[in-house]
Amino acid sequence: MTEIDVLYNRYGQPIFRVLENGRVVTFSGKSVGFVKNNSLYNYSGKHVGWYSNGLVRDHIGQVVAFGGYVTDIYKPFLPYKQYKPYAGFVEYEPFRPYTQFEPHRPYKSYGWSTQNLETLFN
């Protein structure tokens, strides 16, 4: 599966990979969620945020993570990106469940979220 983006946390550390079919996986190859119409979902079907213009935003519009190519102008200061680790074998994708309705999008914020990327998909 081809990688289309890498998601970095607020410190520039690479945490997840986004694959061409919308899967979000760890660098060790475990699936944690998926992108559907710019919305992020976990494998319980719960809506956890939005992924658009290279940024991951939470339910109050704050930035949780950033990708390799950020085009959104409403963003906080982005740190330097650290080197990506070697990507391991990608496991089979779990069954994609029915998803929650996408909540109303909040206004975009210039600030960082209090949530961290590692726990966003829980």
C-alpha atoms as a PDB file:
ATOM      1  CA  MET A   1       0.000   0.000   0.000  1.00  0.00           C
ATOM      2  CA  THR A   2       1.371   3.394  -0.953  1.00  0.00           C
ATOM      3  CA  GLU A   3       1.895   6.073   1.658  1.00  0.00           C
ATOM      4  CA  ILE A   4       0.378   9.455   0.766  1.00  0.00           C
ATOM      5  CA  ASP A   5       1.201  11.376   3.950  1.00  0.00           C
ATOM      6  CA  VAL A   6       2.800  11.174   7.380  1.00  0.00           C
ATOM      7  CA  LEU A   7       1.134  12.680  10.448  1.00  0.00           C
ATOM      8  CA  TYR A   8       3.417  14.484  12.900  1.00  0.00           C
ATOM      9  CA  ASN A   9       2.554  15.495  16.449  1.00  0.00           C
ATOM     10  CA  ARG A  10       3.016  19.003  17.852  1.00  0.00           C
ATOM     11  CA  TYR A  11       6.722  18.290  18.470  1.00  0.00           C
ATOM     12  CA  GLY A  12       7.455  17.202  14.889  1.00  0.00           C
ATOM     13  CA  GLN A  13       7.653  13.505  15.724  1.00  0.00           C
ATOM     14  CA  PRO A  14       6.172  11.216  13.025  1.00  0.00           C
ATOM     15  CA  ILE A  15       3.393   9.110  14.563  1.00  0.00           C
ATOM     16  CA  PHE A  16       1.120   7.737  11.822  1.00  0.00           C
ATOM     17  CA  ARG A  17       1.095   7.098   8.088  1.00  0.00           C
ATOM     18  CA  VAL A  18      -1.886   7.767   5.812  1.00  0.00           C
ATOM     19  CA  LEU A  19      -2.178   5.239   3.017  1.00  0.00           C
ATOM     20  CA  GLU A  20      -3.767   5.716  -0.406  1.00  0.00           C
ATOM     21  CA  ASN A  21      -6.992   3.932   0.572  1.00  0.00           C
ATOM     22  CA  GLY A  22      -7.479   6.277   3.539  1.00  0.00           C
ATOM     23  CA  ARG A  23      -6.127   3.977   6.237  1.00  0.00           C
ATOM     24  CA  VAL A  24      -4.215   5.497   9.116  1.00  0.00           C
ATOM     25  CA  VAL A  25      -1.530   3.118  10.361  1.00  0.00           C
ATOM     26  CA  THR A  26       1.361   3.154  12.802  1.00  0.00           C
ATOM     27  CA  PHE A  27       4.901   2.752  11.526  1.00  0.00           C
ATOM     28  CA  SER A  28       4.820  -0.818  12.817  1.00  0.00           C
ATOM     29  CA  GLY A  29       1.864  -1.485  10.480  1.00  0.00           C
ATOM     30  CA  LYS A  30      -1.144  -1.540  12.849  1.00  0.00           C
ATOM     31  CA  SER A  31      -4.352   0.111  11.605  1.00  0.00           C
ATOM     32  CA  VAL A  32      -5.740   2.732  14.005  1.00  0.00           C
ATOM     33  CA  GLY A  33      -8.374   4.501  11.908  1.00  0.00           C
ATOM     34  CA  PHE A  34      -9.396   5.729   8.493  1.00  0.00           C
ATOM     35  CA  VAL A  35     -10.260   8.852   6.526  1.00  0.00           C
ATOM     36  CA  LYS A  36     -13.709   9.139   4.964  1.00  0.00           C
ATOM     37  CA  ASN A  37     -14.643  12.395   3.189  1.00  0.00           C
ATOM     38  CA  ASN A  38     -12.037  14.393   5.171  1.00  0.00           C
ATOM     39  CA  SER A  39     -13.359  12.984   8.462  1.00  0.00           C
ATOM     40  CA  LEU A  40     -11.289  10.731  10.711  1.00  0.00           C
ATOM     41  CA  TYR A  41     -12.854   7.658  12.294  1.00  0.00           C
ATOM     42  CA  ASN A  42     -11.601   4.903  14.563  1.00  0.00           C
ATOM     43  CA  TYR A  43     -12.521   1.266  13.960  1.00  0.00           C
ATOM     44  CA  SER A  44     -15.491   1.536  16.325  1.00  0.00           C
ATOM     45  CA  GLY A  45     -17.055   3.985  13.863  1.00  0.00           C
ATOM     46  CA  LYS A  46     -16.589   6.972  16.167  1.00  0.00           C
ATOM     47  CA  HIS A  47     -15.812  10.333  14.552  1.00  0.00           C
ATOM     48  CA  VAL A  48     -12.548  11.615  16.074  1.00  0.00           C
ATOM     49  CA  GLY A  49     -11.680  14.676  13.971  1.00  0.00           C
ATOM     50  CA  TRP A  50     -10.997  16.062  10.511  1.00  0.00           C
ATOM     51  CA  TYR A  51      -8.035  15.704   8.162  1.00  0.00           C
ATOM     52  CA  SER A  52      -7.858  18.367   5.471  1.00  0.00           C
ATOM     53  CA  ASN A  53      -5.294  20.710   3.958  1.00  0.00           C
ATOM     54  CA  GLY A  54      -2.547  18.758   5.718  1.00  0.00           C
ATOM     55  CA  LEU A  55      -3.895  19.298   9.254  1.00  0.00           C
ATOM     56  CA  VAL A  56      -5.724  17.077  11.732  1.00  0.00           C
ATOM     57  CA  ARG A  57      -8.252  19.045  13.785  1.00  0.00           C
ATOM     58  CA  ASP A  58     -10.273  17.997  16.822  1.00  0.00           C
ATOM     59  CA  HIS A  59     -13.940  18.671  17.555  1.00  0.00           C
ATOM     60  CA  ILE A  60     -13.281  22.228  18.732  1.00  0.00           C
ATOM     61  CA  GLY A  61     -11.195  23.194  15.699  1.00  0.00           C
ATOM     62  CA  GLN A  62      -7.740  23.034  17.236  1.00  0.00           C
ATOM     63  CA  VAL A  63      -4.798  21.342  15.526  1.00  0.00           C
ATOM     64  CA  VAL A  64      -3.843  17.883  16.784  1.00  0.00           C
ATOM     65  CA  ALA A  65      -1.296  17.000  14.089  1.00  0.00           C
ATOM     66  CA  PHE A  66       0.105  18.091  10.762  1.00  0.00           C
ATOM     67  CA  GLY A  67       1.077  16.302   7.597  1.00  0.00           C
ATOM     68  CA  GLY A  68       3.948  16.680   5.184  1.00  0.00           C
ATOM     69  CA  TYR A  69       2.236  19.263   2.978  1.00  0.00           C
ATOM     70  CA  VAL A  70       0.198  21.816   4.947  1.00  0.00           C
ATOM     71  CA  THR A  71      -1.780  24.258   2.812  1.00  0.00           C
ATOM     72  CA  ASP A  72      -4.159  25.636   5.461  1.00  0.00           C
ATOM     73  CA  ILE A  73      -3.381  29.212   6.515  1.00  0.00           C
ATOM     74  CA  TYR A  74      -5.139  28.863   9.900  1.00  0.00           C
ATOM     75  CA  LYS A  75      -2.463  26.984  11.777  1.00  0.00           C
ATOM     76  CA  PRO A  76      -0.116  27.339  14.723  1.00  0.00           C
ATOM     77  CA  PHE A  77       3.647  27.532  14.366  1.00  0.00           C
ATOM     78  CA  LEU A  78       4.751  24.144  13.009  1.00  0.00           C
ATOM     79  CA  PRO A  79       7.972  22.583  14.327  1.00  0.00           C
ATOM     80  CA  TYR A  80      10.669  20.985  12.211  1.00  0.00           C
ATOM     81  CA  LYS A  81       9.802  17.456  11.149  1.00  0.00           C
ATOM     82  CA  GLN A  82      11.913  14.684  12.618  1.00  0.00           C
ATOM     83  CA  TYR A  83      13.096  11.780  10.494  1.00  0.00           C
ATOM     84  CA  LYS A  84      10.583   9.059   9.727  1.00  0.00           C
ATOM     85  CA  PRO A  85      11.280   5.588  11.086  1.00  0.00           C
ATOM     86  CA  TYR A  86      11.344   2.608   8.786  1.00  0.00           C
ATOM     87  CA  ALA A  87       7.812   1.515   7.906  1.00  0.00           C
ATOM     88  CA  GLY A  88       7.050  -2.086   8.791  1.00  0.00           C
ATOM     89  CA  PHE A  89       4.734  -4.596   7.158  1.00  0.00           C
ATOM     90  CA  VAL A  90       1.153  -3.305   7.098  1.00  0.00           C
ATOM     91  CA  GLU A  91      -1.327  -5.700   8.707  1.00  0.00           C
ATOM     92  CA  TYR A  92      -4.660  -6.556   7.136  1.00  0.00           C
ATOM     93  CA  GLU A  93      -7.230  -3.856   7.608  1.00  0.00           C
ATOM     94  CA  PRO A  94     -10.016  -4.539  10.104  1.00  0.00           C
ATOM     95  CA  PHE A  95     -13.609  -4.359   8.916  1.00  0.00           C
ATOM     96  CA  ARG A  96     -14.728  -0.741   8.483  1.00  0.00           C
ATOM     97  CA  PRO A  97     -17.868  -0.242  10.553  1.00  0.00           C
ATOM     98  CA  TYR A  98     -20.820   2.034   9.986  1.00  0.00           C
ATOM     99  CA  THR A  99     -19.712   5.500  10.974  1.00  0.00           C
ATOM    100  CA  GLN A 100     -21.254   8.206  13.102  1.00  0.00           C
ATOM    101  CA  PHE A 101     -22.647  11.240  11.387  1.00  0.00           C
ATOM    102  CA  GLU A 102     -20.045  13.944  10.997  1.00  0.00           C
ATOM    103  CA  PRO A 103     -20.650  16.656  13.603  1.00  0.00           C
ATOM    104  CA  HIS A 104     -20.851  20.298  12.647  1.00  0.00           C
ATOM    105  CA  ARG A 105     -17.388  21.630  11.874  1.00  0.00           C
ATOM    106  CA  PRO A 106     -16.182  24.273  14.303  1.00  0.00           C
ATOM    107  CA  TYR A 107     -14.286  27.390  13.309  1.00  0.00           C
ATOM    108  CA  LYS A 108     -10.605  26.771  12.665  1.00  0.00           C
ATOM    109  CA  SER A 109      -8.251  27.739  15.440  1.00  0.00           C
ATOM    110  CA  TYR A 110      -4.629  28.853  15.346  1.00  0.00           C
ATOM    111  CA  GLY A 111      -3.855  26.861  18.499  1.00  0.00           C
ATOM    112  CA  TRP A 112      -2.707  23.385  19.342  1.00  0.00           C
ATOM    113  CA  SER A 113      -5.177  20.942  20.854  1.00  0.00           C
ATOM    114  CA  THR A 114      -4.835  19.520  24.347  1.00  0.00           C
ATOM    115  CA  GLN A 115      -5.418  16.069  22.810  1.00  0.00           C
ATOM    116  CA  ASN A 116      -2.456  14.162  21.500  1.00  0.00           C
ATOM    117  CA  LEU A 117      -2.338  12.217  18.260  1.00  0.00           C
ATOM    118  CA  GLU A 118      -1.529   8.877  19.899  1.00  0.00           C
ATOM    119  CA  THR A 119      -4.792   8.797  21.875  1.00  0.00           C
ATOM    120  CA  LEU A 120      -7.041  10.506  19.326  1.00  0.00           C
ATOM    121  CA  PHE A 121      -8.187   7.197  17.805  1.00  0.00           C
ATOM    122  CA  ASN A 122      -9.087   5.530  21.132  1.00  0.00           C
END
